[in-house]
Amino acid sequence: SMEELVIRILDYQQGMLFQLVEAELAREDIGWEEKVYNFFCKILYSRSNHLLVMTQEEEVWVFRRLSPQHYDAFQKGQEAFYAKLLSLWGVPEGRCDPKVFGNLCLSMVLIHNSAERALPFFFTDRLEETAEANAHILVRYIASLLHEDRGAP
């Protein structure tokens, strides 16, 4: 069915993204923060990197074609995907809710990929600088999770 095809494509895509993370992590010529930043740049510029990272419009199109059961399964898969990303980057389990992390990643990518068509009040002539700043902020946030003192307020 169309639903199953979409889910399989998205699952395949997740596998490709994990390969990108692992390839970056294997690099010895750059530091951890640059490795994570490079991954975010690859998903920000997904089309030129032969990746399928959906725009807001594409997400809505897919969502409307999924049954509630397939949507729930997809959401669970997304949560597991973001949890594994955090784990690959060394973030201890429980330091960051994978759903929150997913929302942070998706908001960065969706704004970058959709603003010109769907967000008329954004300064679209500054999307690249905005995306790069968001990626750096997200890297610093993830880095803070590696060193967070669980006893601190």
Foldseek 3Di string as FASTA:
>chain_A
DVLVVVLVLVVVLLVVLVVLLVVLVPDPPDDLLVSQLVSLVCLLVVVVNVGDDDAPVVVVVSVVVDDPVSVVVVVVVQQVSQQVSLVSSPQDPPLDRSVVLSVLSSVLNRCSVPCVPPPPVDPNVCNVVVSSVSSSVSSVVSVCSNVPDPVDD
